[in-house]
């Protein structure tokens, strides 16, 4: 009798779990059908032009697409979504931030990298792999990037399928504030870097002003903070399992594909200059308290560079020096 009840209870629980998971499982892949087409089409173009830098543009675009599709799906695909009983201001605010973050990131990368040749990271990978890179790149670059994009998209999907009554207002707005802070910091860091690189006088120099004077990778820091904000929004609705997404994202940025690769490239390009920069500025977490002693004015030589210039200037007669100062 007892054994029969236990078996019945186990069967009913399993049946409930399967009926709950199966639709969600397939809906995620159905909703990402557009994403699959997007990555495959981009890979075909990149194979033709022999430049896989295009994959960089898809990260933010993929997040924006998932945000829009999951939002629409959560309203049961109603034509007049904003009049649906499932519509909520919290969901709209969250979706708007996700779309804005994704589109702004893709737009920045397109403006910065389009027409400048293949990204150094991908060019070196192409050189190491050799001839077969054109088809292997689909699996080791595009498919991997799409998987990570879809995995991060589960944070969006999970929140868009919760009930408004489940949301804790305090944690929700704290998460939204964290998303805003991270997004703004990442955007400002990208703008500062773009302006610095656009100035020809800065050629061969290292950006160590503004946010780049308190962290060597403030753009990565902002993005990581943004995704932890997304998780806090999930947490506000009692969704705990999605913590694996920001943990994985943080690990990849800090120890795999982000910071380590960029640090190595910068060392090869700038050598001792970058080593000196490493000694002054923290790699990831900003250190604003020591910023004033580290920053130099944009476009002007640092104090050490000024000292070298003075040492290399030959001695001139006092009158001649004075006349030059007048002019």
C-alpha atoms as a PDB file:
ATOM      1  CA  UNK A   1       0.000   0.000   0.000  1.00  0.00           C
ATOM      2  CA  UNK A   2       2.682   2.444   1.027  1.00  0.00           C
ATOM      3  CA  UNK A   3       4.946   1.371  -1.838  1.00  0.00           C
ATOM      4  CA  UNK A   4       2.085   1.818  -4.290  1.00  0.00           C
ATOM      5  CA  UNK A   5       1.389   5.342  -3.028  1.00  0.00           C
ATOM      6  CA  UNK A   6       5.072   6.254  -3.288  1.00  0.00           C
ATOM      7  CA  UNK A   7       5.234   4.974  -6.855  1.00  0.00           C
ATOM      8  CA  UNK A   8       2.062   6.880  -7.712  1.00  0.00           C
ATOM      9  CA  UNK A   9       3.440  10.055  -6.126  1.00  0.00           C
ATOM     10  CA  UNK A  10       6.763   9.695  -7.947  1.00  0.00           C
ATOM     11  CA  UNK A  11       5.000   9.127 -11.269  1.00  0.00           C
ATOM     12  CA  UNK A  12       2.713  12.120 -10.814  1.00  0.00           C
ATOM     13  CA  UNK A  13       5.660  14.359  -9.826  1.00  0.00           C
ATOM     14  CA  UNK A  14       7.708  13.206 -12.800  1.00  0.00           C
ATOM     15  CA  UNK A  15       4.777  13.725 -15.137  1.00  0.00           C
ATOM     16  CA  UNK A  16       4.286  17.240 -13.792  1.00  0.00           C
ATOM     17  CA  UNK A  17       7.977  18.049 -14.220  1.00  0.00           C
ATOM     18  CA  UNK A  18       8.053  16.767 -17.790  1.00  0.00           C
ATOM     19  CA  UNK A  19       4.874  18.643 -18.720  1.00  0.00           C
ATOM     20  CA  UNK A  20       6.433  21.794 -17.271  1.00  0.00           C
ATOM     21  CA  UNK A  21       9.865  21.443 -18.854  1.00  0.00           C
ATOM     22  CA  UNK A  22       9.073  20.057 -22.289  1.00  0.00           C
ATOM     23  CA  UNK A  23       7.169  23.074 -23.677  1.00  0.00           C
ATOM     24  CA  UNK A  24       9.766  25.491 -22.315  1.00  0.00           C
ATOM     25  CA  UNK A  25      12.607  23.381 -23.685  1.00  0.00           C
ATOM     26  CA  UNK A  26      11.219  23.322 -27.208  1.00  0.00           C
ATOM     27  CA  UNK A  27       9.953  26.902 -27.138  1.00  0.00           C
ATOM     28  CA  UNK A  28      13.486  28.153 -26.426  1.00  0.00           C
ATOM     29  CA  UNK A  29      14.774  26.416 -29.535  1.00  0.00           C
ATOM     30  CA  UNK A  30      11.783  27.456 -31.640  1.00  0.00           C
ATOM     31  CA  UNK A  31      12.233  31.066 -30.567  1.00  0.00           C
ATOM     32  CA  UNK A  32      15.941  30.873 -31.427  1.00  0.00           C
ATOM     33  CA  UNK A  33      15.311  29.608 -34.948  1.00  0.00           C
ATOM     34  CA  UNK A  34      15.918  33.157 -36.167  1.00  0.00           C
ATOM     35  CA  UNK A  35      19.175  33.215 -34.213  1.00  0.00           C
ATOM     36  CA  UNK A  36      20.348  30.001 -35.875  1.00  0.00           C
ATOM     37  CA  UNK A  37      19.633  31.408 -39.322  1.00  0.00           C
ATOM     38  CA  UNK A  38      21.387  34.657 -38.447  1.00  0.00           C
ATOM     39  CA  UNK A  39      24.592  32.946 -37.282  1.00  0.00           C
ATOM     40  CA  UNK A  40      24.640  30.495 -40.192  1.00  0.00           C
ATOM     41  CA  UNK A  41      24.114  33.231 -42.796  1.00  0.00           C
ATOM     42  CA  UNK A  42      26.819  35.385 -41.205  1.00  0.00           C
ATOM     43  CA  UNK A  43      29.224  32.444 -41.191  1.00  0.00           C
ATOM     44  CA  UNK A  44      28.643  31.909 -44.927  1.00  0.00           C
ATOM     45  CA  UNK A  45      29.424  35.566 -45.615  1.00  0.00           C
ATOM     46  CA  UNK A  46      32.520  35.469 -43.404  1.00  0.00           C
ATOM     47  CA  UNK A  47      33.783  32.338 -45.207  1.00  0.00           C
ATOM     48  CA  UNK A  48      33.358  34.125 -48.529  1.00  0.00           C
ATOM     49  CA  UNK A  49      35.213  37.303 -47.511  1.00  0.00           C
ATOM     50  CA  UNK A  50      37.679  35.453 -45.227  1.00  0.00           C
ATOM     51  CA  UNK A  51      36.905  37.647 -42.242  1.00  0.00           C
ATOM     52  CA  UNK A  52      35.075  36.285 -39.189  1.00  0.00           C
ATOM     53  CA  UNK A  53      35.073  39.625 -37.378  1.00  0.00           C
ATOM     54  CA  UNK A  54      31.384  39.646 -38.311  1.00  0.00           C
ATOM     55  CA  UNK A  55      30.712  37.265 -35.414  1.00  0.00           C
ATOM     56  CA  UNK A  56      31.520  40.106 -32.986  1.00  0.00           C
ATOM     57  CA  UNK A  57      28.521  42.066 -34.261  1.00  0.00           C
ATOM     58  CA  UNK A  58      26.090  39.235 -33.520  1.00  0.00           C
ATOM     59  CA  UNK A  59      26.415  39.152 -29.728  1.00  0.00           C
ATOM     60  CA  UNK A  60      24.405  42.269 -28.957  1.00  0.00           C
ATOM     61  CA  UNK A  61      22.060  41.737 -31.898  1.00  0.00           C
ATOM     62  CA  UNK A  62      21.269  38.212 -30.702  1.00  0.00           C
ATOM     63  CA  UNK A  63      20.448  39.482 -27.203  1.00  0.00           C
ATOM     64  CA  UNK A  64      18.140  42.142 -28.647  1.00  0.00           C
ATOM     65  CA  UNK A  65      16.343  39.621 -30.883  1.00  0.00           C
ATOM     66  CA  UNK A  66      15.805  37.182 -28.014  1.00  0.00           C
ATOM     67  CA  UNK A  67      14.523  39.979 -25.778  1.00  0.00           C
ATOM     68  CA  UNK A  68      11.900  41.032 -28.315  1.00  0.00           C
ATOM     69  CA  UNK A  69      10.799  37.486 -29.191  1.00  0.00           C
ATOM     70  CA  UNK A  70      10.614  36.280 -25.591  1.00  0.00           C
ATOM     71  CA  UNK A  71       8.672  39.388 -24.595  1.00  0.00           C
ATOM     72  CA  UNK A  72       6.160  38.817 -27.389  1.00  0.00           C
ATOM     73  CA  UNK A  73       5.937  35.099 -26.567  1.00  0.00           C
ATOM     74  CA  UNK A  74       5.247  35.848 -22.894  1.00  0.00           C
ATOM     75  CA  UNK A  75       2.135  37.743 -23.995  1.00  0.00           C
ATOM     76  CA  UNK A  76       0.900  34.663 -25.867  1.00  0.00           C
ATOM     77  CA  UNK A  77       1.668  36.252 -29.239  1.00  0.00           C
ATOM     78  CA  UNK A  78      -1.270  38.623 -28.947  1.00  0.00           C
ATOM     79  CA  UNK A  79      -1.572  41.264 -31.666  1.00  0.00           C
ATOM     80  CA  UNK A  80      -2.360  44.003 -29.170  1.00  0.00           C
ATOM     81  CA  UNK A  81       0.329  42.958 -26.696  1.00  0.00           C
ATOM     82  CA  UNK A  82       0.172  46.072 -24.588  1.00  0.00           C
ATOM     83  CA  UNK A  83      -3.492  45.460 -23.823  1.00  0.00           C
ATOM     84  CA  UNK A  84      -2.854  41.885 -22.699  1.00  0.00           C
ATOM     85  CA  UNK A  85      -3.628  40.990 -19.096  1.00  0.00           C
ATOM     86  CA  UNK A  86      -0.098  39.582 -18.849  1.00  0.00           C
ATOM     87  CA  UNK A  87       1.505  42.897 -19.740  1.00  0.00           C
ATOM     88  CA  UNK A  88       3.406  44.645 -16.936  1.00  0.00           C
ATOM     89  CA  UNK A  89       5.549  47.732 -16.647  1.00  0.00           C
ATOM     90  CA  UNK A  90       8.299  45.678 -15.021  1.00  0.00           C
ATOM     91  CA  UNK A  91       8.489  43.363 -18.020  1.00  0.00           C
ATOM     92  CA  UNK A  92       8.517  46.261 -20.485  1.00  0.00           C
ATOM     93  CA  UNK A  93      11.254  48.100 -18.560  1.00  0.00           C
ATOM     94  CA  UNK A  94      13.395  44.974 -18.395  1.00  0.00           C
ATOM     95  CA  UNK A  95      12.930  44.185 -22.101  1.00  0.00           C
ATOM     96  CA  UNK A  96      13.660  47.786 -23.128  1.00  0.00           C
ATOM     97  CA  UNK A  97      16.949  47.764 -21.225  1.00  0.00           C
ATOM     98  CA  UNK A  98      17.964  44.438 -22.760  1.00  0.00           C
ATOM     99  CA  UNK A  99      17.195  45.624 -26.301  1.00  0.00           C
ATOM    100  CA  UNK A 100      18.965  48.964 -25.782  1.00  0.00           C
ATOM    101  CA  UNK A 101      22.038  47.226 -24.364  1.00  0.00           C
ATOM    102  CA  UNK A 102      22.227  44.699 -27.183  1.00  0.00           C
ATOM    103  CA  UNK A 103      21.716  47.161 -30.036  1.00  0.00           C
ATOM    104  CA  UNK A 104      24.116  49.769 -28.629  1.00  0.00           C
ATOM    105  CA  UNK A 105      26.844  47.144 -28.222  1.00  0.00           C
ATOM    106  CA  UNK A 106      26.435  45.841 -31.766  1.00  0.00           C
ATOM    107  CA  UNK A 107      26.291  49.371 -33.194  1.00  0.00           C
ATOM    108  CA  UNK A 108      29.525  50.314 -31.424  1.00  0.00           C
ATOM    109  CA  UNK A 109      31.360  47.219 -32.677  1.00  0.00           C
ATOM    110  CA  UNK A 110      30.174  47.810 -36.247  1.00  0.00           C
ATOM    111  CA  UNK A 111      31.346  51.439 -36.165  1.00  0.00           C
ATOM    112  CA  UNK A 112      34.679  50.517 -34.558  1.00  0.00           C
ATOM    113  CA  UNK A 113      35.634  47.423 -36.544  1.00  0.00           C
ATOM    114  CA  UNK A 114      33.860  47.529 -39.910  1.00  0.00           C
ATOM    115  CA  UNK A 115      36.315  48.071 -42.754  1.00  0.00           C
ATOM    116  CA  UNK A 116      39.440  47.659 -40.584  1.00  0.00           C
ATOM    117  CA  UNK A 117      40.276  44.086 -41.545  1.00  0.00           C
ATOM    118  CA  UNK A 118      39.943  40.916 -39.522  1.00  0.00           C
ATOM    119  CA  UNK A 119      40.161  41.120 -35.736  1.00  0.00           C
ATOM    120  CA  UNK A 120      43.687  40.231 -34.573  1.00  0.00           C
ATOM    121  CA  UNK A 121      42.357  37.457 -32.357  1.00  0.00           C
ATOM    122  CA  UNK A 122      40.565  35.735 -35.226  1.00  0.00           C
ATOM    123  CA  UNK A 123      43.417  36.384 -37.674  1.00  0.00           C
ATOM    124  CA  UNK A 124      45.845  34.531 -35.401  1.00  0.00           C
ATOM    125  CA  UNK A 125      43.403  31.661 -34.935  1.00  0.00           C
ATOM    126  CA  UNK A 126      42.994  31.451 -38.718  1.00  0.00           C
ATOM    127  CA  UNK A 127      46.781  31.325 -39.122  1.00  0.00           C
ATOM    128  CA  UNK A 128      47.150  28.543 -36.545  1.00  0.00           C
ATOM    129  CA  UNK A 129      44.351  26.362 -37.916  1.00  0.00           C
ATOM    130  CA  UNK A 130      45.287  26.815 -41.566  1.00  0.00           C
ATOM    131  CA  UNK A 131      43.302  26.027 -44.708  1.00  0.00           C
ATOM    132  CA  UNK A 132      40.420  24.189 -42.992  1.00  0.00           C
ATOM    133  CA  UNK A 133      39.606  27.203 -40.825  1.00  0.00           C
ATOM    134  CA  UNK A 134      36.894  28.348 -43.263  1.00  0.00           C
ATOM    135  CA  UNK A 135      34.599  25.447 -42.267  1.00  0.00           C
ATOM    136  CA  UNK A 136      35.958  24.767 -38.767  1.00  0.00           C
ATOM    137  CA  UNK A 137      35.183  28.383 -37.843  1.00  0.00           C
ATOM    138  CA  UNK A 138      31.487  27.547 -37.980  1.00  0.00           C
ATOM    139  CA  UNK A 139      31.862  25.057 -35.130  1.00  0.00           C
ATOM    140  CA  UNK A 140      34.665  26.548 -33.004  1.00  0.00           C
ATOM    141  CA  UNK A 141      33.594  30.193 -33.344  1.00  0.00           C
ATOM    142  CA  UNK A 142      30.028  30.736 -34.602  1.00  0.00           C
ATOM    143  CA  UNK A 143      28.328  27.747 -32.977  1.00  0.00           C
ATOM    144  CA  UNK A 144      30.116  28.373 -29.679  1.00  0.00           C
ATOM    145  CA  UNK A 145      29.198  32.062 -29.759  1.00  0.00           C
ATOM    146  CA  UNK A 146      25.578  31.205 -30.550  1.00  0.00           C
ATOM    147  CA  UNK A 147      25.420  28.687 -27.694  1.00  0.00           C
ATOM    148  CA  UNK A 148      26.688  31.270 -25.184  1.00  0.00           C
ATOM    149  CA  UNK A 149      24.255  33.834 -26.611  1.00  0.00           C
ATOM    150  CA  UNK A 150      21.334  31.448 -26.228  1.00  0.00           C
ATOM    151  CA  UNK A 151      22.456  30.440 -22.743  1.00  0.00           C
ATOM    152  CA  UNK A 152      22.502  34.076 -21.608  1.00  0.00           C
ATOM    153  CA  UNK A 153      19.112  34.431 -23.259  1.00  0.00           C
ATOM    154  CA  UNK A 154      17.654  32.018 -20.707  1.00  0.00           C
ATOM    155  CA  UNK A 155      17.925  34.855 -18.173  1.00  0.00           C
ATOM    156  CA  UNK A 156      15.552  36.839 -20.369  1.00  0.00           C
ATOM    157  CA  UNK A 157      13.244  33.911 -21.028  1.00  0.00           C
ATOM    158  CA  UNK A 158      12.984  32.975 -17.348  1.00  0.00           C
ATOM    159  CA  UNK A 159      11.924  36.447 -16.215  1.00  0.00           C
ATOM    160  CA  UNK A 160       9.533  37.007 -19.116  1.00  0.00           C
ATOM    161  CA  UNK A 161       7.620  33.896 -18.029  1.00  0.00           C
ATOM    162  CA  UNK A 162       7.158  34.818 -14.395  1.00  0.00           C
ATOM    163  CA  UNK A 163       4.030  36.331 -12.872  1.00  0.00           C
ATOM    164  CA  UNK A 164       3.934  39.956 -11.774  1.00  0.00           C
ATOM    165  CA  UNK A 165       2.775  38.824  -8.346  1.00  0.00           C
ATOM    166  CA  UNK A 166       6.035  36.868  -7.944  1.00  0.00           C
ATOM    167  CA  UNK A 167       8.252  39.967  -8.300  1.00  0.00           C
ATOM    168  CA  UNK A 168       9.821  41.517  -5.226  1.00  0.00           C
ATOM    169  CA  UNK A 169       9.902  45.267  -5.969  1.00  0.00           C
ATOM    170  CA  UNK A 170      13.024  46.000  -3.942  1.00  0.00           C
ATOM    171  CA  UNK A 171      15.204  43.368  -5.635  1.00  0.00           C
ATOM    172  CA  UNK A 172      13.659  44.139  -9.026  1.00  0.00           C
ATOM    173  CA  UNK A 173      14.581  47.831  -8.964  1.00  0.00           C
ATOM    174  CA  UNK A 174      17.953  47.049  -7.431  1.00  0.00           C
ATOM    175  CA  UNK A 175      18.590  44.740 -10.376  1.00  0.00           C
ATOM    176  CA  UNK A 176      17.393  47.358 -12.865  1.00  0.00           C
ATOM    177  CA  UNK A 177      19.696  49.917 -11.244  1.00  0.00           C
ATOM    178  CA  UNK A 178      22.619  47.478 -11.475  1.00  0.00           C
ATOM    179  CA  UNK A 179      21.850  46.892 -15.148  1.00  0.00           C
ATOM    180  CA  UNK A 180      21.801  50.643 -15.778  1.00  0.00           C
ATOM    181  CA  UNK A 181      25.063  51.184 -13.924  1.00  0.00           C
ATOM    182  CA  UNK A 182      26.853  48.384 -15.771  1.00  0.00           C
ATOM    183  CA  UNK A 183      25.414  49.354 -19.141  1.00  0.00           C
ATOM    184  CA  UNK A 184      26.312  53.028 -18.773  1.00  0.00           C
ATOM    185  CA  UNK A 185      29.834  52.226 -17.561  1.00  0.00           C
ATOM    186  CA  UNK A 186      30.458  49.837 -20.439  1.00  0.00           C
ATOM    187  CA  UNK A 187      29.118  52.340 -22.969  1.00  0.00           C
ATOM    188  CA  UNK A 188      31.190  55.227 -21.581  1.00  0.00           C
ATOM    189  CA  UNK A 189      34.309  53.052 -21.637  1.00  0.00           C
ATOM    190  CA  UNK A 190      33.668  52.132 -25.275  1.00  0.00           C
ATOM    191  CA  UNK A 191      33.107  55.785 -26.224  1.00  0.00           C
ATOM    192  CA  UNK A 192      36.318  56.860 -24.479  1.00  0.00           C
ATOM    193  CA  UNK A 193      38.279  54.146 -26.260  1.00  0.00           C
ATOM    194  CA  UNK A 194      36.762  55.010 -29.634  1.00  0.00           C
ATOM    195  CA  UNK A 195      37.570  58.714 -29.226  1.00  0.00           C
ATOM    196  CA  UNK A 196      41.113  57.902 -28.120  1.00  0.00           C
ATOM    197  CA  UNK A 197      41.799  55.601 -31.065  1.00  0.00           C
ATOM    198  CA  UNK A 198      40.233  58.089 -33.491  1.00  0.00           C
ATOM    199  CA  UNK A 199      42.849  60.681 -32.542  1.00  0.00           C
ATOM    200  CA  UNK A 200      45.950  60.144 -34.699  1.00  0.00           C
ATOM    201  CA  UNK A 201      48.124  61.817 -32.068  1.00  0.00           C
ATOM    202  CA  UNK A 202      47.440  58.825 -29.805  1.00  0.00           C
ATOM    203  CA  UNK A 203      48.912  56.306 -32.216  1.00  0.00           C
ATOM    204  CA  UNK A 204      51.212  53.968 -30.328  1.00  0.00           C
ATOM    205  CA  UNK A 205      50.001  55.260 -26.966  1.00  0.00           C
ATOM    206  CA  UNK A 206      48.070  53.472 -24.231  1.00  0.00           C
ATOM    207  CA  UNK A 207      44.682  54.757 -23.108  1.00  0.00           C
ATOM    208  CA  UNK A 208      45.010  55.496 -19.390  1.00  0.00           C
ATOM    209  CA  UNK A 209      42.510  58.302 -18.928  1.00  0.00           C
ATOM    210  CA  UNK A 210      38.948  58.377 -17.634  1.00  0.00           C
ATOM    211  CA  UNK A 211      37.585  54.943 -16.808  1.00  0.00           C
ATOM    212  CA  UNK A 212      40.688  53.371 -18.343  1.00  0.00           C
ATOM    213  CA  UNK A 213      42.721  55.034 -15.612  1.00  0.00           C
ATOM    214  CA  UNK A 214      40.953  53.120 -12.853  1.00  0.00           C
ATOM    215  CA  UNK A 215      40.572  49.759 -14.638  1.00  0.00           C
ATOM    216  CA  UNK A 216      42.418  48.220 -17.571  1.00  0.00           C
ATOM    217  CA  UNK A 217      39.161  46.718 -18.845  1.00  0.00           C
ATOM    218  CA  UNK A 218      36.255  48.939 -17.706  1.00  0.00           C
ATOM    219  CA  UNK A 219      34.158  47.878 -20.709  1.00  0.00           C
ATOM    220  CA  UNK A 220      34.337  44.233 -19.614  1.00  0.00           C
ATOM    221  CA  UNK A 221      33.640  45.224 -16.022  1.00  0.00           C
ATOM    222  CA  UNK A 222      30.531  47.136 -17.100  1.00  0.00           C
ATOM    223  CA  UNK A 223      29.247  44.197 -19.135  1.00  0.00           C
ATOM    224  CA  UNK A 224      29.783  41.743 -16.286  1.00  0.00           C
ATOM    225  CA  UNK A 225      27.982  44.056 -13.855  1.00  0.00           C
ATOM    226  CA  UNK A 226      25.127  44.397 -16.361  1.00  0.00           C
ATOM    227  CA  UNK A 227      24.573  40.633 -16.496  1.00  0.00           C
ATOM    228  CA  UNK A 228      24.685  40.313 -12.723  1.00  0.00           C
ATOM    229  CA  UNK A 229      21.970  42.968 -12.696  1.00  0.00           C
ATOM    230  CA  UNK A 230      19.941  40.780 -15.057  1.00  0.00           C
ATOM    231  CA  UNK A 231      20.313  37.909 -12.611  1.00  0.00           C
ATOM    232  CA  UNK A 232      19.191  40.103  -9.681  1.00  0.00           C
ATOM    233  CA  UNK A 233      16.042  40.855 -11.685  1.00  0.00           C
ATOM    234  CA  UNK A 234      15.579  37.091 -12.049  1.00  0.00           C
ATOM    235  CA  UNK A 235      16.164  36.683  -8.321  1.00  0.00           C
ATOM    236  CA  UNK A 236      13.430  39.231  -7.618  1.00  0.00           C
ATOM    237  CA  UNK A 237      10.954  36.763  -9.127  1.00  0.00           C
ATOM    238  CA  UNK A 238      12.318  33.814  -7.159  1.00  0.00           C
ATOM    239  CA  UNK A 239      14.327  32.440 -10.100  1.00  0.00           C
ATOM    240  CA  UNK A 240      17.575  31.121  -8.640  1.00  0.00           C
ATOM    241  CA  UNK A 241      18.922  28.521 -11.099  1.00  0.00           C
ATOM    242  CA  UNK A 242      19.876  31.141 -13.716  1.00  0.00           C
ATOM    243  CA  UNK A 243      22.863  32.177 -11.580  1.00  0.00           C
ATOM    244  CA  UNK A 244      24.882  29.778 -13.732  1.00  0.00           C
ATOM    245  CA  UNK A 245      24.633  32.310 -16.600  1.00  0.00           C
ATOM    246  CA  UNK A 246      26.410  35.320 -15.013  1.00  0.00           C
ATOM    247  CA  UNK A 247      28.888  32.964 -13.327  1.00  0.00           C
ATOM    248  CA  UNK A 248      29.827  31.444 -16.673  1.00  0.00           C
ATOM    249  CA  UNK A 249      29.916  34.842 -18.398  1.00  0.00           C
ATOM    250  CA  UNK A 250      32.178  36.300 -15.684  1.00  0.00           C
ATOM    251  CA  UNK A 251      34.511  33.292 -15.858  1.00  0.00           C
ATOM    252  CA  UNK A 252      34.863  33.492 -19.639  1.00  0.00           C
ATOM    253  CA  UNK A 253      35.495  37.245 -19.624  1.00  0.00           C
ATOM    254  CA  UNK A 254      38.000  37.190 -16.771  1.00  0.00           C
ATOM    255  CA  UNK A 255      39.868  33.952 -17.448  1.00  0.00           C
ATOM    256  CA  UNK A 256      39.229  32.644 -20.984  1.00  0.00           C
ATOM    257  CA  UNK A 257      38.269  34.753 -24.002  1.00  0.00           C
ATOM    258  CA  UNK A 258      38.172  38.343 -22.787  1.00  0.00           C
ATOM    259  CA  UNK A 259      40.843  39.787 -20.539  1.00  0.00           C
ATOM    260  CA  UNK A 260      43.637  37.173 -21.027  1.00  0.00           C
ATOM    261  CA  UNK A 261      43.550  37.486 -24.828  1.00  0.00           C
ATOM    262  CA  UNK A 262      43.506  41.297 -24.771  1.00  0.00           C
ATOM    263  CA  UNK A 263      46.270  41.477 -22.177  1.00  0.00           C
ATOM    264  CA  UNK A 264      48.480  39.262 -24.310  1.00  0.00           C
ATOM    265  CA  UNK A 265      47.854  41.306 -27.464  1.00  0.00           C
ATOM    266  CA  UNK A 266      48.521  44.598 -25.680  1.00  0.00           C
ATOM    267  CA  UNK A 267      51.780  43.276 -24.223  1.00  0.00           C
ATOM    268  CA  UNK A 268      52.953  42.199 -27.664  1.00  0.00           C
ATOM    269  CA  UNK A 269      52.035  45.572 -29.144  1.00  0.00           C
ATOM    270  CA  UNK A 270      53.285  47.936 -26.419  1.00  0.00           C
ATOM    271  CA  UNK A 271      55.808  45.894 -24.434  1.00  0.00           C
ATOM    272  CA  UNK A 272      57.280  47.705 -21.428  1.00  0.00           C
ATOM    273  CA  UNK A 273      54.799  50.577 -21.765  1.00  0.00           C
ATOM    274  CA  UNK A 274      51.923  48.232 -21.125  1.00  0.00           C
ATOM    275  CA  UNK A 275      53.794  46.479 -18.339  1.00  0.00           C
ATOM    276  CA  UNK A 276      54.145  49.843 -16.604  1.00  0.00           C
ATOM    277  CA  UNK A 277      50.412  50.421 -17.160  1.00  0.00           C
ATOM    278  CA  UNK A 278      49.704  47.005 -15.619  1.00  0.00           C
ATOM    279  CA  UNK A 279      51.677  47.983 -12.524  1.00  0.00           C
ATOM    280  CA  UNK A 280      49.660  51.182 -12.091  1.00  0.00           C
ATOM    281  CA  UNK A 281      46.098  50.212 -12.980  1.00  0.00           C
ATOM    282  CA  UNK A 282      44.073  47.195 -11.730  1.00  0.00           C
ATOM    283  CA  UNK A 283      43.096  44.669 -14.350  1.00  0.00           C
ATOM    284  CA  UNK A 284      39.335  44.451 -13.716  1.00  0.00           C
ATOM    285  CA  UNK A 285      37.819  45.954 -10.575  1.00  0.00           C
ATOM    286  CA  UNK A 286      38.050  49.773 -10.700  1.00  0.00           C
ATOM    287  CA  UNK A 287      40.226  51.557  -8.161  1.00  0.00           C
ATOM    288  CA  UNK A 288      38.975  55.185  -8.096  1.00  0.00           C
ATOM    289  CA  UNK A 289      40.954  56.153  -4.993  1.00  0.00           C
ATOM    290  CA  UNK A 290      44.303  56.090  -6.780  1.00  0.00           C
ATOM    291  CA  UNK A 291      42.955  57.534 -10.032  1.00  0.00           C
ATOM    292  CA  UNK A 292      44.171  61.168  -9.657  1.00  0.00           C
ATOM    293  CA  UNK A 293      47.824  60.129  -9.504  1.00  0.00           C
ATOM    294  CA  UNK A 294      47.445  57.842 -12.513  1.00  0.00           C
ATOM    295  CA  UNK A 295      45.551  59.931 -15.010  1.00  0.00           C
ATOM    296  CA  UNK A 296      47.119  62.138 -17.647  1.00  0.00           C
ATOM    297  CA  UNK A 297      45.360  64.589 -19.917  1.00  0.00           C
ATOM    298  CA  UNK A 298      44.111  63.168 -23.165  1.00  0.00           C
ATOM    299  CA  UNK A 299      46.444  63.673 -26.079  1.00  0.00           C
ATOM    300  CA  UNK A 300      49.265  65.046 -23.916  1.00  0.00           C
ATOM    301  CA  UNK A 301      52.451  63.194 -22.904  1.00  0.00           C
ATOM    302  CA  UNK A 302      52.638  61.685 -19.444  1.00  0.00           C
ATOM    303  CA  UNK A 303      55.034  63.045 -16.811  1.00  0.00           C
ATOM    304  CA  UNK A 304      57.639  60.386 -17.669  1.00  0.00           C
ATOM    305  CA  UNK A 305      57.360  61.235 -21.369  1.00  0.00           C
ATOM    306  CA  UNK A 306      57.738  64.946 -20.606  1.00  0.00           C
ATOM    307  CA  UNK A 307      60.897  64.202 -18.625  1.00  0.00           C
ATOM    308  CA  UNK A 308      62.347  62.273 -21.563  1.00  0.00           C
ATOM    309  CA  UNK A 309      61.532  65.143 -23.912  1.00  0.00           C
ATOM    310  CA  UNK A 310      63.338  67.610 -21.646  1.00  0.00           C
ATOM    311  CA  UNK A 311      66.406  65.397 -21.489  1.00  0.00           C
ATOM    312  CA  UNK A 312      66.560  65.105 -25.273  1.00  0.00           C
ATOM    313  CA  UNK A 313      66.253  68.866 -25.940  1.00  0.00           C
ATOM    314  CA  UNK A 314      69.719  70.382 -26.569  1.00  0.00           C
ATOM    315  CA  UNK A 315      70.867  73.385 -24.545  1.00  0.00           C
ATOM    316  CA  UNK A 316      70.129  76.682 -26.298  1.00  0.00           C
ATOM    317  CA  UNK A 317      71.227  80.235 -25.598  1.00  0.00           C
ATOM    318  CA  UNK A 318      68.983  82.041 -23.162  1.00  0.00           C
ATOM    319  CA  UNK A 319      67.980  84.707 -25.655  1.00  0.00           C
ATOM    320  CA  UNK A 320      67.034  82.184 -28.290  1.00  0.00           C
ATOM    321  CA  UNK A 321      64.949  80.214 -25.800  1.00  0.00           C
ATOM    322  CA  UNK A 322      63.172  83.382 -24.726  1.00  0.00           C
ATOM    323  CA  UNK A 323      62.400  84.348 -28.313  1.00  0.00           C
ATOM    324  CA  UNK A 324      60.912  80.938 -29.007  1.00  0.00           C
ATOM    325  CA  UNK A 325      58.690  81.257 -25.965  1.00  0.00           C
ATOM    326  CA  UNK A 326      57.329  84.531 -27.374  1.00  0.00           C
ATOM    327  CA  UNK A 327      56.321  82.841 -30.577  1.00  0.00           C
END
